[in-house]
Amino acid sequence: MSDMAKKHKQNILDIRELSIVYKRPGKQAVRAVNQVSLAIKRGQSLGIVGESGCGKSTLARTIMGLQLPHSGSLLFENKEIFRFNSREMAQYRRRVQMVFQDAAGSLNPRMTSRQTLTEVLKVHKVCKPGEFHRKIDALLELVALPHKLLDVYPREMSGGQCQRVSIARCLALAPDVIIADEPVSALDVSVQARILNLLRYLQSELNLALILISHDLAVVRHICDDVVVMHNGIFVESGHTRSVLENPQHPYTKSLLDAVPDVKRALKAKMM
């Protein structure tokens, strides 16, 4: 097996028995994430699905290195991220990027799309100043964003357009992993499928590990190869997305499926 093939098969992220506990003065501690384990490979699209408050966004923030776990470990390319020094953590956060639910809110309202992308390129020294124009053009092409939107502000764009700028900002750093936390829940239904198709295309084209956080099984079904169902801080079911949706084993998974009629109709159509 070639070195490239071995690298492709290796886990890029390895979460082992991770627990996250919130301590509250005078009250019982809340275990937001309880001893979860998960392995993610390059080029894999994984959905983490569950209702609000189940711990999935807390897990995402921990993967980003934004908060420390109570116990367990999180390995990136077989290195424990919580032992990184400041330089190593800065490099890690370049390689693991997040797309947020509120795209407009994640962008600086006083900066145009051009200024937003230029700032990332400049601060992280992605390329020389003379190459900014070429790099920005390439990013716009990747996310299918019209050039006419380069010099407009977030308030002048639709939610879908803001999300494309947000995705382009992530791609500017050439990440290995993108965590998309409810990336389409704030968008119109007509726009959701386009953003999901874009994420799926980028994941395949750039060989990204894509972690999609969602409360909606229909969204996960659209682009994820594999799915983990999370409930009360633990993983209750996991597997290939189609297998889990067609033959759910856990009552909680079944209840989520019952809440999404279009998924049930699609599955019934396949079985007829």
Protein backbone atom coordinates (compact mmCIF):
# COMPACT_ATOMS: atom_id res chain seq x y z
CA MET A 1 0.00 0.00 0.00
CA SER A 2 1.35 3.43 -0.95
CA ASP A 3 2.03 6.11 1.67
CA MET A 4 -0.81 8.18 0.21
CA ALA A 5 -3.25 5.27 0.48
CA LYS A 6 -2.19 4.59 4.06
CA LYS A 7 -2.69 8.25 4.94
CA HIS A 8 -6.16 8.19 3.42
CA LYS A 9 -7.16 5.18 5.56
CA GLN A 10 -5.78 6.58 8.82
CA ASN A 11 -8.05 8.32 11.28
CA ILE A 12 -7.52 12.06 11.16
CA LEU A 13 -9.53 12.51 14.38
CA ASP A 14 -9.80 9.93 17.13
CA ILE A 15 -12.06 10.70 20.11
CA ARG A 16 -11.64 8.31 23.03
CA GLU A 17 -13.94 8.11 26.08
CA LEU A 18 -14.47 11.88 26.04
CA SER A 19 -16.53 13.44 28.82
CA ILE A 20 -17.43 17.11 29.31
CA VAL A 21 -18.85 18.20 32.66
CA TYR A 22 -20.26 21.59 33.60
CA LYS A 23 -19.98 22.34 37.31
CA ARG A 24 -22.51 24.71 38.84
CA PRO A 25 -22.06 26.27 42.29
CA GLY A 26 -24.50 24.71 44.75
CA LYS A 27 -26.04 22.48 42.09
CA GLN A 28 -25.40 19.05 40.66
CA ALA A 29 -22.82 18.93 37.87
CA VAL A 30 -24.17 18.46 34.35
CA ARG A 31 -22.47 15.81 32.22
CA ALA A 32 -23.02 17.30 28.76
CA VAL A 33 -20.98 14.62 26.99
CA ASN A 34 -20.53 11.23 28.60
CA GLN A 35 -17.63 8.96 27.57
CA VAL A 36 -18.13 9.13 23.82
CA SER A 37 -15.72 7.58 21.33
CA LEU A 38 -15.53 8.31 17.63
CA ALA A 39 -13.05 7.86 14.76
CA ILE A 40 -13.13 10.04 11.65
CA LYS A 41 -11.11 9.42 8.49
CA ARG A 42 -10.01 11.78 5.74
CA GLY A 43 -12.69 12.12 3.09
CA GLN A 44 -15.43 10.87 5.42
CA SER A 45 -18.74 12.67 5.83
CA LEU A 46 -20.20 12.04 9.27
CA GLY A 47 -23.45 13.33 10.72
CA ILE A 48 -23.96 13.82 14.45
CA VAL A 49 -27.69 14.12 14.99
CA GLY A 50 -29.84 14.77 18.04
CA GLU A 51 -32.23 17.24 19.64
CA SER A 52 -31.12 20.59 21.06
CA GLY A 53 -29.32 20.11 24.36
CA CYS A 54 -28.10 16.59 23.67
CA GLY A 55 -24.43 17.65 23.70
CA LYS A 56 -23.57 17.69 20.02
CA SER A 57 -22.56 21.37 19.83
CA THR A 58 -20.57 21.02 23.06
CA LEU A 59 -18.73 18.14 21.45
CA ALA A 60 -18.08 20.26 18.34
CA ARG A 61 -16.58 23.10 20.41
CA THR A 62 -14.33 20.61 22.18
CA ILE A 63 -13.14 19.16 18.87
CA MET A 64 -12.29 22.73 17.87
CA GLY A 65 -10.15 23.03 21.01
CA LEU A 66 -12.35 25.81 22.40
CA GLN A 67 -12.99 24.04 25.70
CA LEU A 68 -11.26 21.34 27.74
CA PRO A 69 -12.84 17.95 28.44
CA HIS A 70 -13.29 16.58 31.94
CA SER A 71 -11.71 13.29 30.89
CA GLY A 72 -10.78 11.29 27.80
CA SER A 73 -8.64 12.25 24.83
CA LEU A 74 -8.89 13.74 21.37
CA LEU A 75 -6.19 12.80 18.89
CA PHE A 76 -5.45 14.62 15.64
CA GLU A 77 -3.18 12.54 13.41
CA ASN A 78 -2.37 10.46 16.53
CA LYS A 79 -1.36 13.50 18.62
CA GLU A 80 -3.30 14.60 21.70
CA ILE A 81 -4.53 18.13 20.96
CA PHE A 82 -4.86 19.13 24.61
CA ARG A 83 -1.10 18.74 24.98
CA PHE A 84 -0.38 21.12 22.12
CA ASN A 85 1.60 24.25 22.85
CA SER A 86 0.23 27.59 21.59
CA ARG A 87 1.95 27.29 18.20
CA GLU A 88 0.69 23.74 17.65
CA MET A 89 -2.85 24.69 18.71
CA ALA A 90 -2.86 27.64 16.30
CA GLN A 91 -1.83 25.28 13.50
CA TYR A 92 -4.49 22.78 14.55
CA ARG A 93 -7.20 25.44 14.40
CA ARG A 94 -6.15 26.28 10.87
CA ARG A 95 -6.61 22.66 9.84
CA VAL A 96 -9.93 22.18 11.65
CA GLN A 97 -12.45 24.85 10.69
CA MET A 98 -16.09 25.47 11.61
CA VAL A 99 -19.09 26.66 9.62
CA PHE A 100 -21.67 28.21 11.94
CA GLN A 101 -25.47 28.22 11.95
CA ASP A 102 -25.79 32.02 11.88
CA ALA A 103 -23.68 32.81 8.85
CA ALA A 104 -24.41 36.54 8.85
CA GLY A 105 -23.67 36.76 12.58
CA SER A 106 -20.32 35.02 12.11
CA LEU A 107 -19.19 37.67 9.60
CA ASN A 108 -17.97 41.15 10.55
CA PRO A 109 -20.85 43.49 9.61
CA ARG A 110 -18.38 46.29 8.84
CA MET A 111 -16.40 44.27 6.33
CA THR A 112 -17.24 43.43 2.74
CA SER A 113 -16.78 39.90 1.43
CA ARG A 114 -13.50 40.97 -0.16
CA GLN A 115 -12.23 42.44 3.11
CA THR A 116 -13.28 39.34 5.06
CA LEU A 117 -11.37 37.00 2.77
CA THR A 118 -8.39 39.33 2.47
CA GLU A 119 -8.10 39.54 6.25
CA VAL A 120 -7.86 35.74 6.58
CA LEU A 121 -5.22 35.53 3.86
CA LYS A 122 -3.22 38.36 5.42
CA VAL A 123 -3.40 37.33 9.09
CA HIS A 124 -2.52 33.71 8.40
CA LYS A 125 0.00 34.55 5.67
CA VAL A 126 -1.65 32.14 3.27
CA CYS A 127 -0.06 33.84 0.26
CA LYS A 128 1.80 36.99 -0.71
CA PRO A 129 -0.25 40.23 -0.96
CA GLY A 130 0.22 40.26 -4.73
CA GLU A 131 -1.56 36.89 -4.89
CA PHE A 132 -4.63 37.87 -2.86
CA HIS A 133 -6.71 38.66 -5.95
CA ARG A 134 -5.99 35.29 -7.57
CA LYS A 135 -6.63 33.39 -4.34
CA ILE A 136 -9.95 35.17 -3.70
CA ASP A 137 -11.07 34.43 -7.26
CA ALA A 138 -10.32 30.72 -6.69
CA LEU A 139 -12.28 30.71 -3.43
CA LEU A 140 -15.29 32.37 -5.07
CA GLU A 141 -15.24 29.75 -7.79
CA LEU A 142 -15.12 26.93 -5.22
CA VAL A 143 -18.24 28.18 -3.41
CA ALA A 144 -20.03 29.41 -6.56
CA LEU A 145 -20.32 33.00 -5.34
CA PRO A 146 -20.74 35.79 -7.94
CA HIS A 147 -17.93 38.35 -8.11
CA LYS A 148 -20.47 41.16 -7.83
CA LEU A 149 -20.89 40.24 -4.15
CA LEU A 150 -17.25 40.86 -3.31
CA ASP A 151 -17.78 44.49 -2.34
CA VAL A 152 -21.03 44.19 -0.44
CA TYR A 153 -21.65 43.80 3.29
CA PRO A 154 -23.36 40.87 5.06
CA ARG A 155 -26.57 42.88 5.56
CA GLU A 156 -26.83 43.27 1.78
CA MET A 157 -26.65 39.52 1.11
CA SER A 158 -29.08 36.64 1.59
CA GLY A 159 -28.51 33.98 4.22
CA GLY A 160 -27.29 31.52 1.61
CA GLN A 161 -24.81 34.03 0.18
CA CYS A 162 -23.47 34.82 3.66
CA GLN A 163 -23.02 31.10 4.26
CA ARG A 164 -21.02 30.77 1.04
CA VAL A 165 -18.72 33.60 2.19
CA SER A 166 -18.36 31.86 5.54
CA ILE A 167 -17.44 28.58 3.82
CA ALA A 168 -14.96 30.40 1.55
CA ARG A 169 -13.33 31.92 4.64
CA CYS A 170 -12.82 28.41 6.04
CA LEU A 171 -11.44 27.09 2.76
CA ALA A 172 -8.90 29.93 2.59
CA LEU A 173 -6.87 28.07 5.24
CA ALA A 174 -6.92 24.76 3.32
CA PRO A 175 -8.40 22.76 6.24
CA ASP A 176 -8.41 18.98 6.59
CA VAL A 177 -11.61 18.94 8.66
CA ILE A 178 -14.73 21.10 8.48
CA ILE A 179 -17.29 21.01 11.28
CA ALA A 180 -20.64 22.35 10.07
CA ASP A 181 -22.85 23.16 13.08
CA GLU A 182 -26.48 23.36 11.90
CA PRO A 183 -25.29 25.11 8.70
CA VAL A 184 -28.69 25.29 7.00
CA SER A 185 -31.26 25.45 9.81
CA ALA A 186 -31.45 29.26 9.60
CA LEU A 187 -31.87 29.26 5.80
CA ASP A 188 -34.95 29.15 3.60
CA VAL A 189 -35.92 25.65 2.52
CA SER A 190 -35.24 26.54 -1.13
CA VAL A 191 -31.62 27.44 -0.24
CA GLN A 192 -30.85 24.57 2.14
CA ALA A 193 -30.34 21.91 -0.54
CA ARG A 194 -27.92 24.15 -2.48
CA ILE A 195 -25.71 24.71 0.57
CA LEU A 196 -25.81 21.00 1.45
CA ASN A 197 -24.89 20.09 -2.13
CA LEU A 198 -22.02 22.58 -1.96
CA LEU A 199 -20.70 21.04 1.26
CA ARG A 200 -20.96 17.56 -0.24
CA TYR A 201 -19.13 18.68 -3.38
CA LEU A 202 -16.33 20.36 -1.39
CA GLN A 203 -15.96 17.35 0.90
CA SER A 204 -15.50 15.05 -2.09
CA GLU A 205 -13.47 17.42 -4.27
CA LEU A 206 -11.01 18.44 -1.50
CA ASN A 207 -10.99 15.11 0.35
CA LEU A 208 -12.17 16.81 3.53
CA ALA A 209 -13.41 15.13 6.67
CA LEU A 210 -16.84 16.71 7.10
CA ILE A 211 -18.64 16.57 10.45
CA LEU A 212 -22.23 17.76 10.12
CA ILE A 213 -24.02 18.66 13.37
CA SER A 214 -27.80 18.62 12.99
CA HIS A 215 -31.11 17.93 14.68
CA ASP A 216 -32.59 16.92 11.32
CA LEU A 217 -32.19 13.39 9.91
CA ALA A 218 -33.33 14.64 6.49
CA VAL A 219 -30.30 16.95 6.34
CA VAL A 220 -27.91 14.20 7.44
CA ARG A 221 -29.40 11.77 4.94
CA HIS A 222 -28.72 14.26 2.15
CA ILE A 223 -24.92 14.36 2.43
CA CYS A 224 -23.52 12.05 5.13
CA ASP A 225 -22.05 8.60 4.54
CA ASP A 226 -22.22 7.73 8.23
CA VAL A 227 -24.27 8.95 11.17
CA VAL A 228 -24.08 8.97 14.97
CA VAL A 229 -27.26 9.53 16.96
CA MET A 230 -26.69 11.43 20.22
CA HIS A 231 -29.07 11.56 23.17
CA ASN A 232 -28.44 12.98 26.66
CA GLY A 233 -24.69 13.20 26.07
CA ILE A 234 -24.14 9.68 24.79
CA PHE A 235 -24.09 7.96 21.40
CA VAL A 236 -27.10 5.63 21.25
CA GLU A 237 -26.68 4.42 17.67
CA SER A 238 -24.21 4.68 14.80
CA GLY A 239 -23.48 3.23 11.38
CA HIS A 240 -23.89 3.87 7.68
CA THR A 241 -26.57 6.51 7.22
CA ARG A 242 -28.79 4.44 4.99
CA SER A 243 -28.63 1.41 7.30
CA VAL A 244 -29.47 3.46 10.39
CA LEU A 245 -32.37 5.23 8.70
CA GLU A 246 -33.82 2.12 7.07
CA ASN A 247 -33.45 -0.09 10.13
CA PRO A 248 -33.15 2.02 13.30
CA GLN A 249 -32.46 -0.01 16.42
CA HIS A 250 -32.79 2.51 19.23
CA PRO A 251 -36.17 3.96 20.25
CA TYR A 252 -34.73 7.48 20.21
CA THR A 253 -33.58 7.08 16.60
CA LYS A 254 -37.04 5.83 15.70
CA SER A 255 -38.63 8.88 17.33
CA LEU A 256 -36.35 11.22 15.36
CA LEU A 257 -37.26 9.39 12.17
CA ASP A 258 -40.98 9.62 12.94
CA ALA A 259 -40.58 13.40 13.22
CA VAL A 260 -39.29 13.74 9.64
CA PRO A 261 -42.05 12.55 7.24
CA ASP A 262 -40.08 13.20 4.04
CA VAL A 263 -37.35 10.78 5.16
CA LYS A 264 -39.93 8.10 5.93
CA ARG A 265 -41.58 8.57 2.53
CA ALA A 266 -38.23 8.34 0.73
CA LEU A 267 -37.32 5.15 2.57
CA LYS A 268 -40.70 3.58 1.86
CA ALA A 269 -40.35 4.45 -1.85
CA LYS A 270 -36.99 2.66 -1.98
CA MET A 271 -38.47 -0.47 -0.42
CA MET A 272 -41.46 -0.68 -2.80
